[in-house]
Amino acid sequence: MVRWFWQRKTPRHSLVLRSRGDFGDTARVDFAELAPELNTFLGQAAYLQLGYFETLTRLIRATPELSEKEALSHAAGAALEKHGRIVEVIRERGDDPTEVMLPFREQLDAFRRKTIGVRPRETLLAVYLTAGMLDDFYLALASGYGKTGDRVVEILAVDDARHEIVDIIQETISSDEEWRSLLSMWGRRLVGDTLLVARTALRRPQQGAADDARVEPVFTELMGAHARRMDAMGLAS
């Protein structure tokens, strides 16, 4: 059985879901006692970016239009750069990045398989929405890890070129209204699995109602940001 979390003694921090774009008011919540050990945080964050790179690379191969290939290559390159920079942080701490990421491969690969749609456009939307939600979540966690967390914040906050994915999705739904309905439904289906990844990234020693109440503002804000991303693309959330 994979062990996701480690017991540790840490000072209490107020973790912040940081504003990104039209993210609205920040939501503050003190859930440092539920935050994972630093290497768990780094390993999950690094492997997620590697997974997005792999999915986008597969989409590039499946896309006939050269302009779309170029747009997807920008997003894939940004994901790979984020992965590489987090790996660098792990190495500087004296750890082996492969060993740090390996415990989370099975779970995160399973999540990625669930978000691969029947059609490439569904998968593309999944990358945009799930990466956005989880980047926001890891930005919130990062503020509790001192200088290392600050470095991860800088890494995750850089331009990810995902606006080019938005352009492709908007062109798709403009060309055929059936796509709007299909992608709206798909976008709503992604929320549950994505929030489950976020929840399992937290250490839940008691699984009690108090823990749920403590983290609920963050998940409420994640869902709000998801709705705003959907609305900006012309999709009903």
Protein backbone atom coordinates (compact mmCIF):
# COMPACT_ATOMS: atom_id res chain seq x y z
CA MET A 1 0.00 0.00 0.00
CA VAL A 2 1.30 3.45 -0.93
CA ARG A 3 1.88 5.70 2.02
CA TRP A 4 0.84 9.18 1.04
CA PHE A 5 1.49 11.10 4.22
CA TRP A 6 3.99 11.32 7.05
CA GLN A 7 3.59 12.46 10.61
CA ARG A 8 5.36 15.74 11.22
CA LYS A 9 5.40 18.61 13.63
CA THR A 10 5.05 22.00 11.96
CA PRO A 11 4.09 25.51 12.96
CA ARG A 12 0.60 26.52 11.98
CA HIS A 13 0.28 28.50 8.77
CA SER A 14 -2.61 30.28 7.13
CA LEU A 15 -2.68 28.86 3.62
CA VAL A 16 -4.04 31.15 0.92
CA LEU A 17 -5.73 30.31 -2.33
CA ARG A 18 -3.95 32.96 -4.32
CA SER A 19 -5.63 35.19 -6.85
CA ARG A 20 -4.97 34.26 -10.49
CA GLY A 21 -6.56 36.30 -13.24
CA ASP A 22 -10.25 36.78 -12.45
CA PHE A 23 -10.01 34.43 -9.50
CA GLY A 24 -11.95 36.81 -7.27
CA ASP A 25 -11.48 37.25 -3.53
CA THR A 26 -8.90 35.05 -1.91
CA ALA A 27 -10.09 32.35 0.46
CA ARG A 28 -8.05 31.86 3.60
CA VAL A 29 -8.09 28.71 5.66
CA ASP A 30 -5.85 27.31 8.33
CA PHE A 31 -5.37 23.67 7.33
CA ALA A 32 -1.62 23.28 7.86
CA GLU A 33 -2.24 20.31 10.15
CA LEU A 34 -3.75 18.51 7.14
CA ALA A 35 -1.02 19.46 4.67
CA PRO A 36 1.27 16.65 3.49
CA GLU A 37 4.97 16.35 4.18
CA LEU A 38 7.04 18.52 1.85
CA ASN A 39 8.34 15.68 -0.35
CA THR A 40 4.80 14.40 -0.78
CA PHE A 41 3.76 17.84 -1.96
CA LEU A 42 6.75 18.15 -4.32
CA GLY A 43 6.41 14.63 -5.69
CA GLN A 44 2.73 15.01 -6.49
CA ALA A 45 3.14 18.47 -8.02
CA ALA A 46 6.06 17.35 -10.20
CA TYR A 47 4.35 14.20 -11.44
CA LEU A 48 1.13 16.02 -12.28
CA GLN A 49 3.04 18.39 -14.58
CA LEU A 50 4.80 15.45 -16.23
CA GLY A 51 1.42 13.83 -16.81
CA TYR A 52 0.03 16.95 -18.46
CA PHE A 53 3.06 17.07 -20.72
CA GLU A 54 2.49 13.45 -21.75
CA THR A 55 -1.21 13.99 -22.46
CA LEU A 56 -0.57 17.13 -24.50
CA THR A 57 2.17 15.38 -26.46
CA ARG A 58 -0.27 12.63 -27.41
CA LEU A 59 -2.80 15.25 -28.48
CA ILE A 60 -0.17 16.88 -30.70
CA ARG A 61 0.35 13.58 -32.51
CA ALA A 62 -3.42 13.16 -32.96
CA THR A 63 -3.99 16.70 -34.26
CA PRO A 64 -3.80 17.20 -38.05
CA GLU A 65 -3.83 21.02 -38.05
CA LEU A 66 -0.37 22.55 -37.93
CA SER A 67 -1.55 25.68 -36.13
CA GLU A 68 -3.11 23.56 -33.38
CA LYS A 69 0.01 21.44 -33.10
CA GLU A 70 2.01 24.60 -32.49
CA ALA A 71 -0.45 25.87 -29.88
CA LEU A 72 -0.44 22.56 -28.03
CA SER A 73 3.35 22.41 -28.17
CA HIS A 74 3.49 25.70 -26.26
CA ALA A 75 1.28 24.32 -23.50
CA ALA A 76 3.21 21.04 -23.43
CA GLY A 77 6.51 22.90 -23.21
CA ALA A 78 5.23 24.99 -20.30
CA ALA A 79 4.13 21.86 -18.41
CA LEU A 80 7.51 20.21 -19.01
CA GLU A 81 9.32 23.33 -17.82
CA LYS A 82 7.27 23.38 -14.61
CA HIS A 83 8.03 19.71 -14.08
CA GLY A 84 11.73 20.26 -14.63
CA ARG A 85 11.91 23.20 -12.24
CA ILE A 86 10.11 21.30 -9.46
CA VAL A 87 12.46 18.36 -10.05
CA GLU A 88 15.34 20.79 -9.62
CA VAL A 89 13.92 21.85 -6.25
CA ILE A 90 13.76 18.20 -5.20
CA ARG A 91 17.38 17.59 -6.25
CA GLU A 92 18.59 20.67 -4.41
CA ARG A 93 17.06 19.20 -1.26
CA GLY A 94 19.31 16.17 -1.75
CA ASP A 95 16.56 13.77 -2.86
CA ASP A 96 16.12 11.58 -5.92
CA PRO A 97 13.20 12.99 -7.98
CA THR A 98 12.23 9.55 -9.28
CA GLU A 99 11.96 8.14 -5.78
CA VAL A 100 10.01 11.18 -4.61
CA MET A 101 7.49 10.93 -7.48
CA LEU A 102 7.19 7.15 -7.71
CA PRO A 103 4.73 6.60 -4.82
CA PHE A 104 2.14 8.75 -6.60
CA ARG A 105 2.45 7.42 -10.14
CA GLU A 106 -0.28 4.81 -9.89
CA GLN A 107 -2.89 7.11 -8.37
CA LEU A 108 -2.18 10.08 -10.62
CA ASP A 109 -1.99 7.94 -13.75
CA ALA A 110 -5.40 6.53 -12.86
CA PHE A 111 -6.75 10.07 -12.50
CA ARG A 112 -5.30 11.05 -15.86
CA ARG A 113 -6.89 8.02 -17.55
CA LYS A 114 -10.27 9.06 -16.17
CA THR A 115 -9.90 12.49 -17.74
CA ILE A 116 -9.06 11.24 -21.23
CA GLY A 117 -12.18 11.70 -23.32
CA VAL A 118 -13.52 9.73 -26.24
CA ARG A 119 -12.68 12.69 -28.48
CA PRO A 120 -9.45 14.75 -28.49
CA ARG A 121 -11.38 17.95 -27.75
CA GLU A 122 -12.69 16.42 -24.52
CA THR A 123 -9.17 15.51 -23.46
CA LEU A 124 -7.93 18.98 -24.33
CA LEU A 125 -10.64 20.57 -22.20
CA ALA A 126 -9.76 18.16 -19.38
CA VAL A 127 -6.12 19.28 -19.42
CA TYR A 128 -7.12 22.92 -19.24
CA LEU A 129 -9.68 22.52 -16.46
CA THR A 130 -7.98 19.95 -14.23
CA ALA A 131 -4.55 21.57 -14.52
CA GLY A 132 -6.07 24.91 -13.61
CA MET A 133 -7.87 23.56 -10.55
CA LEU A 134 -4.89 21.59 -9.28
CA ASP A 135 -2.39 24.37 -9.93
CA ASP A 136 -4.61 26.62 -7.81
CA PHE A 137 -4.77 24.00 -5.08
CA TYR A 138 -1.00 23.46 -5.00
CA LEU A 139 -0.47 27.21 -4.95
CA ALA A 140 -2.58 27.29 -1.80
CA LEU A 141 -0.58 24.47 -0.19
CA ALA A 142 2.77 25.96 -1.25
CA SER A 143 2.39 29.00 0.97
CA GLY A 144 2.86 26.75 4.01
CA TYR A 145 6.33 25.45 3.08
CA GLY A 146 8.53 28.50 3.62
CA LYS A 147 11.16 29.41 1.03
CA THR A 148 10.73 26.11 -0.81
CA GLY A 149 7.03 26.78 -1.10
CA ASP A 150 7.75 30.28 -2.39
CA ARG A 151 9.85 28.78 -5.16
CA VAL A 152 7.04 26.42 -6.12
CA VAL A 153 4.62 29.34 -6.18
CA GLU A 154 6.90 31.09 -8.67
CA ILE A 155 7.07 27.94 -10.78
CA LEU A 156 3.33 27.27 -10.88
CA ALA A 157 2.43 30.92 -11.46
CA VAL A 158 4.41 31.33 -14.70
CA ASP A 159 2.69 31.60 -18.06
CA ASP A 160 1.39 28.14 -18.93
CA ALA A 161 0.26 28.97 -22.51
CA ARG A 162 -3.13 27.44 -21.75
CA HIS A 163 -4.88 30.46 -23.24
CA GLU A 164 -4.13 28.85 -26.60
CA ILE A 165 -6.15 25.83 -25.49
CA VAL A 166 -9.03 28.19 -24.70
CA ASP A 167 -8.83 29.61 -28.24
CA ILE A 168 -9.10 26.11 -29.72
CA ILE A 169 -12.08 25.21 -27.52
CA GLN A 170 -13.88 28.45 -28.35
CA GLU A 171 -13.35 27.95 -32.08
CA THR A 172 -14.69 24.41 -31.72
CA ILE A 173 -17.94 25.38 -29.99
CA SER A 174 -18.42 28.29 -32.39
CA SER A 175 -18.28 25.92 -35.34
CA ASP A 176 -20.92 23.54 -34.02
CA GLU A 177 -23.38 24.11 -31.15
CA GLU A 178 -23.46 20.37 -30.41
CA TRP A 179 -19.89 20.73 -29.16
CA ARG A 180 -21.03 23.32 -26.61
CA SER A 181 -23.46 20.90 -24.99
CA LEU A 182 -21.02 17.98 -25.12
CA LEU A 183 -18.09 19.89 -23.66
CA SER A 184 -20.25 21.55 -21.00
CA MET A 185 -21.33 18.15 -19.77
CA TRP A 186 -17.75 16.83 -19.90
CA GLY A 187 -16.45 19.82 -17.97
CA ARG A 188 -18.96 19.21 -15.19
CA ARG A 189 -17.98 15.55 -14.99
CA LEU A 190 -14.33 16.44 -14.39
CA VAL A 191 -14.95 18.30 -11.14
CA GLY A 192 -15.49 15.33 -8.85
CA ASP A 193 -12.37 13.40 -9.87
CA THR A 194 -10.23 16.55 -9.70
CA LEU A 195 -11.42 17.53 -6.23
CA LEU A 196 -10.78 13.94 -5.11
CA VAL A 197 -7.12 14.31 -6.12
CA ALA A 198 -6.95 17.48 -4.06
CA ARG A 199 -8.60 15.87 -1.04
CA THR A 200 -6.31 12.83 -1.12
CA ALA A 201 -3.33 15.19 -1.22
CA LEU A 202 -4.17 16.22 2.34
CA ARG A 203 -3.30 14.29 5.47
CA ARG A 204 -6.61 13.33 7.09
CA PRO A 205 -5.82 11.75 10.45
CA GLN A 206 -9.35 11.81 11.81
CA GLN A 207 -11.54 12.18 8.72
CA GLY A 208 -13.89 14.21 10.86
CA ALA A 209 -16.42 16.91 10.20
CA ALA A 210 -14.04 19.50 11.65
CA ASP A 211 -11.45 18.69 8.98
CA ASP A 212 -14.08 18.98 6.25
CA ALA A 213 -15.17 22.36 7.57
CA ARG A 214 -11.57 23.53 7.69
CA VAL A 215 -10.85 22.84 4.03
CA GLU A 216 -14.30 23.58 2.61
CA PRO A 217 -13.57 27.26 1.79
CA VAL A 218 -10.64 26.21 -0.40
CA PHE A 219 -12.68 23.66 -2.33
CA THR A 220 -15.53 26.12 -2.68
CA GLU A 221 -13.12 28.59 -4.23
CA LEU A 222 -11.65 25.92 -6.51
CA MET A 223 -15.14 25.16 -7.80
CA GLY A 224 -15.84 28.87 -8.22
CA ALA A 225 -12.69 29.31 -10.29
CA HIS A 226 -13.68 26.27 -12.35
CA ALA A 227 -17.06 27.85 -13.05
CA ARG A 228 -15.39 31.07 -14.16
CA ARG A 229 -13.10 29.18 -16.53
CA MET A 230 -16.11 27.40 -18.02
CA ASP A 231 -18.07 30.64 -18.39
CA ALA A 232 -15.11 32.39 -20.06
CA MET A 233 -15.10 29.70 -22.75
CA GLY A 234 -18.84 29.96 -23.29
CA LEU A 235 -19.58 26.67 -21.56
CA ALA A 236 -22.25 26.24 -18.92
CA SER A 237 -20.81 25.08 -15.61
